[in-house]
């Protein structure tokens, strides 16, 4: 079947809500039943302990951790963002986007043994930054991570709305509360609020252990369904316009730089690799899983395997963008009716145009499940980021009281993502802001492994990174690519974004090193010892003394 324009959904509003809430209900019930089963009861009896609730320390094997890392990084955003990047930047951009999901995982595999050995009681990056650079840097880096997590949560909730409105005739708002030139589509209210509240409920009840449990089941299902749906979409739709296919799989089709060439593709690939890698390095959920692993080897194997799974999914989903473009290329020809967000060139449009209704039902179930799994990862990560705040406000309180405060604050922090998701802004647009902020701190973060890096150098580097981003976009104003592109649809595909993603971490690293070297005689003395580590040292010294006397 060949069509120049996409078909229309046939699933009515009531049926759509039934599918969405039925899926969320099953996820909630099965999660709680599984979590409170006899096999898991021993862990959950200690849920009032921050160590269990936020770290699930030393409890996850390779397979479990592989699936957890996989679904933590590959959310429903890939359904829309990956085909869009593939269409605009061609095969080079798709390869870059794919690598951007793999590199951070490999980096976490490299740093995990050091983190686990030196900070055995860690929860997330807060403990590393505080132990290495002190409270001021920990507060700044923690805020950057929290901002990224909130925007990531926004993107996932927006994906729920976009998926539902694309596959079904679900009721949407007459207009969004934030009406501007960058608004993509009016959003449905029910899937966004329903998904947020459902995942928040079971995450509050079970913390990280429950999130890890959902990852096992949903990770397997998500990978299998991704393979089935993408292959079926290709088989049913096929390639319509062969010249359009060759164009989009080559250098891509940019709406900003005409005629499009491979220079544009390479620039987009650089932006995606740098942006996503920097952002994922401040992903609190990734950091949490370092300490959830049973052993150093488990987390190292898991990150490699998760990278392989992620790469397969990214490539398959990206190809659906090429297929959709070969069918609907008329819609993005200059003057053809769109000017920025191409996320409609994705699996949902192929399904409603070429495939039976039951495929739409399966895809909606699969998508909502994927979103739920990613949302609970983000929400549990936010609780870990808030732990230093609870410690400072209630230093003498019990873990139970601190956790209660964290849960209340975390619930309030879910409100802005819900409102922003309902505004109908582009998903890639949301990621651009978070990625740029993360790019300013990632170099000082890694330079912490160099003993000569001074806390003042790290703070100067982080501030300098932010300043570099602002300068790049200020210069871009002279060339028509200034600050307005930060919130414009397709902003991550602009050349100014490439310059920012290259220069920000580079200048940040230079500032960090130079300032550190200007402070003579400094060398990091080591991380604070836990009581267990102090006991081990004391036992070792005693044993050495006894041997010496012998």
Protein backbone atom coordinates (compact mmCIF):
# COMPACT_ATOMS: atom_id res chain seq x y z
CA UNK A 1 0.00 0.00 0.00
CA UNK A 2 1.37 3.42 -0.96
CA UNK A 3 0.02 6.65 0.51
CA UNK A 4 1.28 10.22 0.35
CA UNK A 5 -0.41 11.18 3.59
CA UNK A 6 -0.75 9.25 6.86
CA UNK A 7 -3.92 7.47 7.86
CA UNK A 8 -6.14 8.30 10.83
CA UNK A 9 -6.38 6.40 14.13
CA UNK A 10 -9.45 4.25 14.67
CA UNK A 11 -9.22 3.64 18.43
CA UNK A 12 -11.75 5.87 20.19
CA UNK A 13 -11.18 7.93 23.35
CA UNK A 14 -12.79 5.48 25.77
CA UNK A 15 -10.93 2.51 24.34
CA UNK A 16 -7.66 4.45 24.43
CA UNK A 17 -8.03 5.32 28.10
CA UNK A 18 -8.99 1.74 28.83
CA UNK A 19 -5.79 0.48 27.21
CA UNK A 20 -3.62 3.08 28.94
CA UNK A 21 -5.05 2.66 32.43
CA UNK A 22 -5.34 -1.09 32.00
CA UNK A 23 -1.64 -1.23 31.20
CA UNK A 24 -0.74 1.04 34.11
CA UNK A 25 -2.97 -0.99 36.42
CA UNK A 26 -1.33 -4.25 35.43
CA UNK A 27 2.12 -2.69 35.87
CA UNK A 28 1.16 -1.42 39.32
CA UNK A 29 -0.42 -4.67 40.54
CA UNK A 30 2.28 -6.97 39.18
CA UNK A 31 5.02 -4.71 40.50
CA UNK A 32 3.60 -4.67 44.01
CA UNK A 33 2.84 -8.41 44.00
CA UNK A 34 6.30 -9.22 42.74
CA UNK A 35 7.95 -6.77 45.11
CA UNK A 36 6.19 -8.12 48.18
CA UNK A 37 6.53 -11.77 47.26
CA UNK A 38 8.32 -14.03 49.72
CA UNK A 39 11.49 -13.93 47.65
CA UNK A 40 11.76 -10.16 47.99
CA UNK A 41 10.25 -9.74 51.46
CA UNK A 42 13.56 -9.87 53.28
CA UNK A 43 14.86 -6.84 51.37
CA UNK A 44 11.64 -4.88 51.67
CA UNK A 45 11.34 -5.38 55.43
CA UNK A 46 14.28 -2.98 55.68
CA UNK A 47 12.69 -0.44 53.33
CA UNK A 48 12.82 2.28 55.99
CA UNK A 49 16.59 2.08 55.67
CA UNK A 50 18.01 4.62 53.24
CA UNK A 51 20.66 2.09 52.22
CA UNK A 52 18.02 -0.33 50.90
CA UNK A 53 15.52 2.23 49.65
CA UNK A 54 17.96 4.29 47.56
CA UNK A 55 20.82 1.88 46.81
CA UNK A 56 19.59 -1.75 46.88
CA UNK A 57 23.23 -2.28 47.71
CA UNK A 58 25.10 -5.29 46.29
CA UNK A 59 21.88 -7.03 45.25
CA UNK A 60 21.86 -7.17 41.43
CA UNK A 61 23.52 -9.71 39.16
CA UNK A 62 24.64 -9.21 35.57
CA UNK A 63 21.34 -10.04 33.82
CA UNK A 64 19.21 -7.94 36.13
CA UNK A 65 21.60 -5.00 35.91
CA UNK A 66 21.85 -5.32 32.12
CA UNK A 67 18.08 -5.00 31.72
CA UNK A 68 18.00 -2.17 34.24
CA UNK A 69 20.67 -0.10 32.49
CA UNK A 70 19.00 -0.83 29.17
CA UNK A 71 15.52 0.44 30.08
CA UNK A 72 16.96 3.31 32.14
CA UNK A 73 18.62 4.77 29.06
CA UNK A 74 16.24 3.77 26.27
CA UNK A 75 12.91 5.38 27.12
CA UNK A 76 9.92 6.06 24.90
CA UNK A 77 11.68 9.19 23.66
CA UNK A 78 13.53 6.94 21.20
CA UNK A 79 10.25 6.31 19.35
CA UNK A 80 10.12 9.96 18.29
CA UNK A 81 13.56 11.52 18.78
CA UNK A 82 15.64 8.83 17.06
CA UNK A 83 13.72 8.79 13.75
CA UNK A 84 13.75 12.59 13.75
CA UNK A 85 17.54 12.73 14.13
CA UNK A 86 17.94 9.97 11.53
CA UNK A 87 15.85 11.89 8.99
CA UNK A 88 17.58 15.23 9.53
CA UNK A 89 21.14 13.87 9.70
CA UNK A 90 21.03 10.64 7.73
CA UNK A 91 22.99 7.50 8.52
CA UNK A 92 25.89 9.39 10.08
CA UNK A 93 23.58 11.07 12.59
CA UNK A 94 21.84 7.78 13.37
CA UNK A 95 25.22 6.18 14.01
CA UNK A 96 26.14 9.11 16.26
CA UNK A 97 22.89 8.89 18.20
CA UNK A 98 23.40 5.14 18.61
CA UNK A 99 26.94 5.59 19.89
CA UNK A 100 25.72 8.30 22.27
CA UNK A 101 23.67 5.72 24.16
CA UNK A 102 26.59 3.27 24.30
CA UNK A 103 29.50 5.54 25.34
CA UNK A 104 28.05 6.58 28.73
CA UNK A 105 27.39 2.97 29.66
CA UNK A 106 30.97 2.00 28.87
CA UNK A 107 32.24 4.96 30.89
CA UNK A 108 30.16 3.88 33.88
CA UNK A 109 31.64 0.40 33.55
CA UNK A 110 35.11 1.93 33.73
CA UNK A 111 34.52 4.13 36.78
CA UNK A 112 32.32 1.69 38.71
CA UNK A 113 35.13 -0.28 40.44
CA UNK A 114 36.76 2.96 41.68
CA UNK A 115 33.46 4.26 42.99
CA UNK A 116 32.54 1.01 44.72
CA UNK A 117 35.98 0.57 46.29
CA UNK A 118 36.42 4.15 47.51
CA UNK A 119 32.79 5.01 48.30
CA UNK A 120 31.18 1.72 49.37
CA UNK A 121 28.24 3.56 50.95
CA UNK A 122 27.48 5.79 47.99
CA UNK A 123 24.01 6.37 46.53
CA UNK A 124 24.63 8.51 43.45
CA UNK A 125 27.04 11.15 42.11
CA UNK A 126 26.44 13.38 45.16
CA UNK A 127 28.65 11.23 47.36
CA UNK A 128 31.46 11.19 44.82
CA UNK A 129 31.40 14.95 44.21
CA UNK A 130 31.08 15.77 47.92
CA UNK A 131 33.92 13.43 48.87
CA UNK A 132 36.14 14.73 46.09
CA UNK A 133 35.30 18.44 45.82
CA UNK A 134 33.25 19.39 48.87
CA UNK A 135 29.80 20.77 49.55
CA UNK A 136 29.67 23.72 47.13
CA UNK A 137 30.50 21.59 44.09
CA UNK A 138 28.19 18.83 45.31
CA UNK A 139 25.31 21.30 45.53
CA UNK A 140 25.93 22.70 42.04
CA UNK A 141 26.51 19.33 40.38
CA UNK A 142 23.50 17.91 42.20
CA UNK A 143 21.27 20.72 40.93
CA UNK A 144 22.47 20.11 37.37
CA UNK A 145 21.66 16.41 37.74
CA UNK A 146 18.24 17.16 39.25
CA UNK A 147 17.44 19.60 36.43
CA UNK A 148 18.40 16.97 33.85
CA UNK A 149 16.31 14.29 35.57
CA UNK A 150 13.27 16.56 35.66
CA UNK A 151 13.56 17.41 31.96
CA UNK A 152 14.10 13.74 31.12
CA UNK A 153 10.93 12.93 33.09
CA UNK A 154 9.14 15.68 31.16
CA UNK A 155 10.24 14.13 27.86
CA UNK A 156 8.98 10.70 28.92
CA UNK A 157 5.60 12.02 30.01
CA UNK A 158 5.36 14.04 26.78
CA UNK A 159 6.08 10.81 24.90
CA UNK A 160 3.10 9.20 26.62
CA UNK A 161 0.85 11.99 25.40
CA UNK A 162 2.26 12.03 21.87
CA UNK A 163 2.07 8.24 21.56
CA UNK A 164 -1.55 8.18 22.70
CA UNK A 165 -2.65 11.06 20.48
CA UNK A 166 -0.89 9.59 17.44
CA UNK A 167 -2.20 6.04 17.78
CA UNK A 168 -5.71 6.85 19.02
CA UNK A 169 -8.48 9.43 19.00
CA UNK A 170 -7.95 10.21 22.65
CA UNK A 171 -9.30 13.58 23.75
CA UNK A 172 -6.68 16.35 23.73
CA UNK A 173 -6.66 19.88 25.11
CA UNK A 174 -8.13 22.60 22.90
CA UNK A 175 -4.85 24.42 23.26
CA UNK A 176 -1.77 24.11 25.43
CA UNK A 177 -1.19 26.42 28.39
CA UNK A 178 2.17 27.45 26.87
CA UNK A 179 1.20 28.49 23.37
CA UNK A 180 4.16 29.55 21.22
CA UNK A 181 5.79 28.94 17.88
CA UNK A 182 7.58 25.90 19.29
CA UNK A 183 4.46 24.04 20.40
CA UNK A 184 4.26 20.72 18.59
CA UNK A 185 0.76 19.41 19.33
CA UNK A 186 -1.96 19.83 21.97
CA UNK A 187 -1.55 17.06 24.53
CA UNK A 188 -4.01 14.62 26.12
CA UNK A 189 -4.19 14.96 29.88
CA UNK A 190 -5.03 11.43 31.01
CA UNK A 191 -1.92 9.44 29.90
CA UNK A 192 0.49 12.06 31.22
CA UNK A 193 -1.05 12.40 34.67
CA UNK A 194 -1.90 8.69 34.92
CA UNK A 195 1.63 7.54 34.10
CA UNK A 196 3.27 10.01 36.49
CA UNK A 197 1.02 9.17 39.44
CA UNK A 198 1.18 5.40 38.93
CA UNK A 199 4.97 5.22 38.78
CA UNK A 200 5.24 7.71 41.62
CA UNK A 201 3.01 5.52 43.78
CA UNK A 202 4.96 2.30 43.48
CA UNK A 203 8.33 4.09 43.52
CA UNK A 204 7.38 5.82 46.78
CA UNK A 205 6.31 2.48 48.25
CA UNK A 206 9.33 0.48 47.13
CA UNK A 207 12.19 2.79 46.18
CA UNK A 208 15.05 1.58 43.98
CA UNK A 209 14.47 -2.16 44.68
CA UNK A 210 11.01 -1.98 43.12
CA UNK A 211 12.32 0.03 40.17
CA UNK A 212 14.92 -2.66 39.57
CA UNK A 213 12.26 -5.34 39.71
CA UNK A 214 10.16 -3.63 37.03
CA UNK A 215 13.25 -3.30 34.85
CA UNK A 216 13.70 -7.07 34.70
CA UNK A 217 10.25 -7.77 33.30
CA UNK A 218 9.79 -4.64 31.23
CA UNK A 219 13.32 -4.72 29.85
CA UNK A 220 12.80 -8.15 28.33
CA UNK A 221 9.39 -7.25 26.95
CA UNK A 222 10.51 -3.89 25.58
CA UNK A 223 13.43 -5.40 23.66
CA UNK A 224 11.35 -8.17 22.11
CA UNK A 225 8.44 -5.89 21.20
CA UNK A 226 10.79 -3.31 19.68
CA UNK A 227 12.18 -5.97 17.36
CA UNK A 228 8.72 -7.23 16.39
CA UNK A 229 7.09 -3.81 15.87
CA UNK A 230 9.97 -2.27 13.89
CA UNK A 231 10.37 -5.30 11.64
CA UNK A 232 6.60 -5.49 11.10
CA UNK A 233 6.45 -1.78 10.25
CA UNK A 234 9.15 -2.23 7.65
CA UNK A 235 7.45 -5.32 6.19
CA UNK A 236 4.00 -3.72 6.01
CA UNK A 237 4.98 -0.23 4.85
CA UNK A 238 8.11 -0.86 2.84
CA UNK A 239 9.91 1.79 0.79
CA UNK A 240 7.70 4.03 -1.31
CA UNK A 241 9.86 6.74 -2.90
CA UNK A 242 13.26 5.18 -3.65
CA UNK A 243 14.94 8.55 -4.33
CA UNK A 244 13.65 9.91 -1.01
CA UNK A 245 14.98 6.78 0.73
CA UNK A 246 18.42 7.17 -0.79
CA UNK A 247 18.52 10.86 0.11
CA UNK A 248 17.48 10.40 3.74
CA UNK A 249 19.72 7.38 4.37
CA UNK A 250 22.64 9.31 2.90
CA UNK A 251 23.17 12.83 4.18
CA UNK A 252 19.66 13.30 5.51
CA UNK A 253 17.25 16.16 4.93
CA UNK A 254 17.86 19.32 6.95
CA UNK A 255 15.26 22.07 7.04
CA UNK A 256 17.84 24.63 8.13
CA UNK A 257 20.82 24.03 5.84
CA UNK A 258 19.95 23.69 2.17
CA UNK A 259 21.18 21.95 0.19
CA UNK A 260 21.90 19.33 2.86
CA UNK A 261 25.33 17.69 2.76
CA UNK A 262 27.42 15.30 4.83
CA UNK A 263 28.95 18.21 6.75
CA UNK A 264 25.53 18.72 8.30
CA UNK A 265 25.31 15.00 9.13
CA UNK A 266 28.67 14.99 10.88
CA UNK A 267 27.82 18.14 12.85
CA UNK A 268 24.56 16.59 14.08
CA UNK A 269 26.34 13.36 15.01
CA UNK A 270 28.88 15.33 17.06
CA UNK A 271 26.10 17.23 18.84
CA UNK A 272 24.25 14.03 19.70
CA UNK A 273 27.33 12.11 20.87
CA UNK A 274 28.59 14.94 23.04
CA UNK A 275 25.18 16.03 24.31
CA UNK A 276 23.79 12.64 25.26
CA UNK A 277 27.09 11.40 26.72
CA UNK A 278 27.47 14.50 28.90
CA UNK A 279 23.86 14.31 30.06
CA UNK A 280 23.91 10.61 30.90
CA UNK A 281 27.02 11.12 33.01
CA UNK A 282 24.86 13.14 35.43
CA UNK A 283 21.97 10.62 35.25
CA UNK A 284 21.40 9.74 38.90
CA UNK A 285 19.76 6.44 37.96
CA UNK A 286 22.91 5.26 36.20
CA UNK A 287 25.01 6.17 39.25
CA UNK A 288 22.61 4.36 41.62
CA UNK A 289 23.10 1.11 39.77
CA UNK A 290 26.85 1.17 40.37
CA UNK A 291 26.23 0.36 44.03
CA UNK A 292 23.26 -1.92 43.35
CA UNK A 293 25.56 -4.36 41.54
CA UNK A 294 26.67 -7.50 43.37
CA UNK A 295 30.28 -7.12 42.22
CA UNK A 296 32.52 -4.89 40.14
CA UNK A 297 32.52 -7.51 37.40
CA UNK A 298 28.72 -7.58 37.33
CA UNK A 299 28.40 -3.87 36.63
CA UNK A 300 31.16 -3.96 34.02
CA UNK A 301 29.56 -6.83 32.14
CA UNK A 302 26.10 -5.28 32.47
CA UNK A 303 27.11 -1.94 30.96
CA UNK A 304 28.61 -3.66 27.91
CA UNK A 305 25.56 -5.88 27.38
CA UNK A 306 23.16 -2.99 27.93
CA UNK A 307 25.11 -0.98 25.36
CA UNK A 308 24.62 -3.76 22.81
CA UNK A 309 20.86 -3.93 23.46
CA UNK A 310 20.58 -0.15 23.28
CA UNK A 311 22.45 0.00 19.97
CA UNK A 312 20.15 -2.58 18.38
CA UNK A 313 17.03 -0.70 19.46
CA UNK A 314 18.37 2.70 18.36
CA UNK A 315 19.24 1.44 14.87
CA UNK A 316 15.92 -0.34 14.34
CA UNK A 317 13.84 2.59 15.55
CA UNK A 318 15.94 5.04 13.54
CA UNK A 319 15.28 3.08 10.35
CA UNK A 320 11.54 3.58 10.85
CA UNK A 321 12.19 7.28 10.29
CA UNK A 322 13.70 6.50 6.89
CA UNK A 323 10.69 4.35 6.00
CA UNK A 324 8.28 7.05 7.11
CA UNK A 325 10.15 9.69 5.10
CA UNK A 326 10.01 7.56 1.97
CA UNK A 327 6.22 7.47 2.44
CA UNK A 328 5.50 11.02 3.62
CA UNK A 329 8.38 13.10 2.23
CA UNK A 330 5.88 15.53 0.71
CA UNK A 331 5.09 16.74 4.23
CA UNK A 332 8.56 18.17 4.86
CA UNK A 333 9.44 19.56 1.47
CA UNK A 334 10.04 23.33 1.96
CA UNK A 335 6.60 24.84 1.98
CA UNK A 336 5.04 21.45 2.64
CA UNK A 337 3.60 22.33 6.01
CA UNK A 338 6.11 21.64 8.77
CA UNK A 339 9.07 23.57 10.08
CA UNK A 340 10.97 22.01 12.90
CA UNK A 341 9.70 18.94 14.72
CA UNK A 342 9.77 15.86 12.51
CA UNK A 343 8.98 13.37 15.27
CA UNK A 344 5.78 12.44 13.44
CA UNK A 345 8.00 10.48 11.03
CA UNK A 346 8.00 7.46 13.32
CA UNK A 347 6.46 4.09 14.06
CA UNK A 348 3.03 5.37 15.20
CA UNK A 349 2.31 7.00 11.83
CA UNK A 350 3.38 3.88 9.97
CA UNK A 351 1.09 1.80 12.14
CA UNK A 352 -2.06 3.90 11.73
CA UNK A 353 -1.43 4.12 7.97
CA UNK A 354 -0.38 0.63 6.95
CA UNK A 355 -1.17 -1.80 9.76
CA UNK A 356 -4.20 -3.26 11.51
CA UNK A 357 -5.69 -1.72 14.64
CA UNK A 358 -4.39 -4.44 16.93
CA UNK A 359 -0.85 -3.31 16.10
CA UNK A 360 -1.75 0.11 17.47
CA UNK A 361 -3.03 -1.56 20.65
CA UNK A 362 0.18 -3.56 21.09
CA UNK A 363 2.34 -0.51 20.43
CA UNK A 364 0.41 1.61 22.91
CA UNK A 365 0.76 -1.07 25.59
CA UNK A 366 4.45 -1.45 24.80
CA UNK A 367 5.00 2.31 24.81
CA UNK A 368 3.24 2.96 28.10
CA UNK A 369 5.18 0.10 29.72
CA UNK A 370 8.45 1.53 28.41
CA UNK A 371 7.56 4.99 29.73
CA UNK A 372 6.59 3.62 33.14
CA UNK A 373 9.91 1.79 33.48
CA UNK A 374 11.93 4.89 32.62
CA UNK A 375 9.83 7.18 34.81
CA UNK A 376 10.31 5.05 37.92
CA UNK A 377 14.07 5.05 37.29
CA UNK A 378 14.07 8.84 37.13
CA UNK A 379 11.86 9.21 40.20
CA UNK A 380 13.97 6.85 42.31
CA UNK A 381 17.09 8.67 41.14
CA UNK A 382 15.62 11.98 42.24
CA UNK A 383 15.08 10.59 45.75
CA UNK A 384 18.79 9.75 45.98
CA UNK A 385 19.76 13.24 44.81
CA UNK A 386 17.62 14.73 47.58
CA UNK A 387 19.29 12.73 50.37
CA UNK A 388 21.94 15.42 51.15
CA UNK A 389 19.13 17.97 51.49
CA UNK A 390 17.35 15.80 54.04
CA UNK A 391 20.62 15.22 55.91
CA UNK A 392 21.31 18.94 56.17
CA UNK A 393 17.78 19.89 57.22
CA UNK A 394 17.26 16.99 59.65
CA UNK A 395 20.74 15.86 60.78
CA UNK A 396 19.51 14.14 63.94
CA UNK A 397 16.36 12.56 62.49
CA UNK A 398 15.95 8.88 61.72
CA UNK A 399 16.23 7.50 58.19
CA UNK A 400 12.46 7.01 58.19
CA UNK A 401 11.81 10.73 58.83
CA UNK A 402 14.37 11.78 56.25
CA UNK A 403 12.84 9.49 53.66
CA UNK A 404 9.41 10.91 54.42
CA UNK A 405 10.70 14.42 53.71
CA UNK A 406 12.38 13.26 50.50
CA UNK A 407 9.19 11.59 49.28
CA UNK A 408 7.17 14.76 49.83
CA UNK A 409 9.72 16.93 48.02
CA UNK A 410 10.06 14.42 45.19
CA UNK A 411 6.29 14.31 44.73
CA UNK A 412 6.23 18.11 44.44
CA UNK A 413 9.08 17.99 41.93
CA UNK A 414 6.89 15.84 39.68
CA UNK A 415 4.46 18.72 39.17
CA UNK A 416 6.66 20.86 36.85
CA UNK A 417 7.40 17.90 34.50
CA UNK A 418 3.66 17.17 34.26
CA UNK A 419 2.86 20.79 33.42
CA UNK A 420 5.71 21.07 30.93
CA UNK A 421 4.71 17.81 29.25
CA UNK A 422 1.16 19.12 28.89
CA UNK A 423 2.53 22.22 27.13
CA UNK A 424 3.24 20.23 23.96
CA UNK A 425 6.87 21.24 23.49
CA UNK A 426 9.26 19.22 21.32
CA UNK A 427 11.00 16.30 23.05
CA UNK A 428 14.40 17.01 21.49
CA UNK A 429 13.98 20.67 22.42
CA UNK A 430 13.66 19.67 26.08
CA UNK A 431 16.82 17.56 25.97
CA UNK A 432 18.92 20.36 24.44
CA UNK A 433 18.69 22.57 27.53
CA UNK A 434 19.58 19.75 29.91
CA UNK A 435 22.40 18.44 27.71
CA UNK A 436 24.10 21.84 27.50
CA UNK A 437 23.99 22.35 31.25
CA UNK A 438 25.46 18.87 31.80
CA UNK A 439 28.21 19.58 29.26
CA UNK A 440 29.56 22.27 31.60
CA UNK A 441 30.16 19.90 34.53
CA UNK A 442 31.20 16.62 32.90
CA UNK A 443 34.90 17.58 32.48
CA UNK A 444 35.42 18.57 36.15
CA UNK A 445 33.50 15.43 37.07
CA UNK A 446 36.01 13.19 35.30
CA UNK A 447 39.03 15.26 36.21
CA UNK A 448 38.24 14.34 39.79
CA UNK A 449 40.11 11.11 39.08
CA UNK A 450 43.30 13.18 38.73
CA UNK A 451 44.77 13.78 42.17
CA UNK A 452 45.94 17.29 41.29
CA UNK A 453 42.42 18.58 40.52
CA UNK A 454 41.58 21.12 43.23
CA UNK A 455 37.97 21.73 44.36
CA UNK A 456 38.33 25.37 43.34
CA UNK A 457 39.49 24.23 39.91
CA UNK A 458 36.45 21.98 39.56
CA UNK A 459 34.06 24.78 40.58
CA UNK A 460 35.79 27.26 38.26
CA UNK A 461 35.62 24.74 35.43
CA UNK A 462 31.90 24.13 35.95
CA UNK A 463 31.10 27.86 36.04
CA UNK A 464 33.41 28.42 33.08
CA UNK A 465 31.58 25.72 31.14
CA UNK A 466 28.25 27.46 31.68
CA UNK A 467 29.81 30.78 30.67
CA UNK A 468 31.21 29.20 27.50
CA UNK A 469 27.75 28.01 26.46
CA UNK A 470 26.36 31.50 26.96
CA UNK A 471 29.19 33.06 24.96
CA UNK A 472 28.73 30.60 22.08
CA UNK A 473 25.03 31.41 21.81
CA UNK A 474 25.72 35.13 22.19
CA UNK A 475 28.09 34.94 19.21
CA UNK A 476 25.48 32.88 17.40
CA UNK A 477 23.11 35.83 17.62
CA UNK A 478 25.26 37.51 14.96
CA UNK A 479 24.56 34.63 12.57
CA UNK A 480 20.87 34.11 13.25
CA UNK A 481 21.44 31.18 15.61
CA UNK A 482 21.31 32.70 19.06
CA UNK A 483 19.49 32.09 22.32
CA UNK A 484 16.11 31.65 20.65
CA UNK A 485 17.32 28.34 19.17
CA UNK A 486 17.66 26.96 22.71
CA UNK A 487 13.88 26.66 22.89
CA UNK A 488 13.18 26.33 19.18
CA UNK A 489 12.11 23.08 17.57
CA UNK A 490 15.10 21.44 15.95
CA UNK A 491 17.51 23.56 17.99
CA UNK A 492 19.82 20.61 18.62
CA UNK A 493 20.31 20.29 14.86
CA UNK A 494 21.66 23.85 14.51
CA UNK A 495 25.36 24.41 13.98
CA UNK A 496 25.55 26.62 17.08
CA UNK A 497 24.65 23.58 19.18
CA UNK A 498 27.58 21.65 17.72
CA UNK A 499 29.99 24.46 18.60
CA UNK A 500 28.55 24.64 22.11
CA UNK A 501 28.82 20.89 22.74
CA UNK A 502 32.45 20.84 21.58
CA UNK A 503 33.65 24.04 23.23
CA UNK A 504 31.80 23.83 26.56
CA UNK A 505 33.45 20.66 27.95
CA UNK A 506 36.78 21.57 26.33
CA UNK A 507 37.00 25.05 27.87
CA UNK A 508 35.66 23.66 31.16
CA UNK A 509 38.46 21.09 31.24
CA UNK A 510 41.12 23.69 30.45
CA UNK A 511 39.90 26.01 33.21
CA UNK A 512 39.76 23.15 35.71
CA UNK A 513 43.34 22.06 34.97
CA UNK A 514 44.81 25.59 34.87
CA UNK A 515 43.21 26.71 38.14
CA UNK A 516 44.28 23.47 39.83
CA UNK A 517 47.88 23.87 38.71
CA UNK A 518 47.92 27.45 39.97
CA UNK A 519 47.36 26.11 43.49
CA UNK A 520 50.78 24.64 44.37
CA UNK A 521 51.28 21.61 46.54
CA UNK A 522 47.72 20.30 46.36
CA UNK A 523 47.08 16.60 46.01
CA UNK A 524 43.85 14.81 46.88
CA UNK A 525 44.32 12.96 50.16
CA UNK A 526 41.58 10.38 49.59
CA UNK A 527 37.91 9.88 50.27
CA UNK A 528 36.56 9.87 53.85
CA UNK A 529 36.65 6.39 55.34
CA UNK A 530 33.47 4.65 56.43
CA UNK A 531 33.31 2.94 59.83
CA UNK A 532 33.72 -0.44 58.14
CA UNK A 533 36.82 0.75 56.26
CA UNK A 534 38.30 2.20 59.47
CA UNK A 535 37.70 -1.12 61.16
CA UNK A 536 39.41 -2.99 58.33
CA UNK A 537 42.43 -0.68 58.55
CA UNK A 538 42.62 -1.11 62.32
CA UNK A 539 42.43 -4.90 62.03
CA UNK A 540 45.16 -4.86 59.38
CA UNK A 541 47.44 -2.69 61.54
CA UNK A 542 46.85 -4.96 64.54
CA UNK A 543 47.68 -8.05 62.51
CA UNK A 544 50.86 -6.40 61.18
CA UNK A 545 51.90 -5.47 64.71
CA UNK A 546 51.36 -9.02 65.95
CA UNK A 547 53.43 -10.42 63.09
CA UNK A 548 56.17 -7.87 63.80
CA UNK A 549 56.37 -8.89 67.46
CA UNK A 550 56.43 -12.53 66.51
